[in-house]
Amino acid sequence: NIAKQIGNAVPCLLAEQIAVSLKDQFGL
């Protein structure tokens, strides 16, 4: 269960970081 939760959380965190960095790059 814990491993599955971590496996689900990591891609979400990465996607959020990517979205924030893209917003910073393009000034959205």
Protein backbone atom coordinates (compact mmCIF):
# COMPACT_ATOMS: atom_id res chain seq x y z
CA ASN A 1 0.00 0.00 0.00
CA ILE A 2 2.73 2.46 0.99
CA ALA A 3 4.80 1.64 -2.08
CA LYS A 4 1.74 2.14 -4.27
CA GLN A 5 0.99 5.51 -2.65
CA ILE A 6 4.59 6.65 -3.22
CA GLY A 7 4.46 5.42 -6.81
CA ASN A 8 1.31 7.48 -7.35
CA ALA A 9 2.61 10.58 -5.56
CA VAL A 10 5.98 10.89 -7.32
CA PRO A 11 4.64 11.44 -10.90
CA CYS A 12 2.17 14.00 -9.54
CA LEU A 13 4.95 15.94 -7.82
CA LEU A 14 7.13 15.77 -10.94
CA ALA A 15 4.28 16.96 -13.14
CA GLU A 16 3.62 19.85 -10.76
CA GLN A 17 7.29 20.87 -10.77
CA ILE A 18 7.39 20.72 -14.58
CA ALA A 19 4.23 22.82 -14.85
CA VAL A 20 5.66 25.45 -12.49
CA SER A 21 8.98 25.59 -14.34
CA LEU A 22 7.18 25.92 -17.68
CA LYS A 23 5.05 28.75 -16.29
CA ASP A 24 8.20 30.51 -15.09
CA GLN A 25 9.90 30.05 -18.46
CA PHE A 26 7.03 31.34 -20.57
CA GLY A 27 5.65 33.83 -18.04
CA LEU A 28 2.18 32.30 -18.04
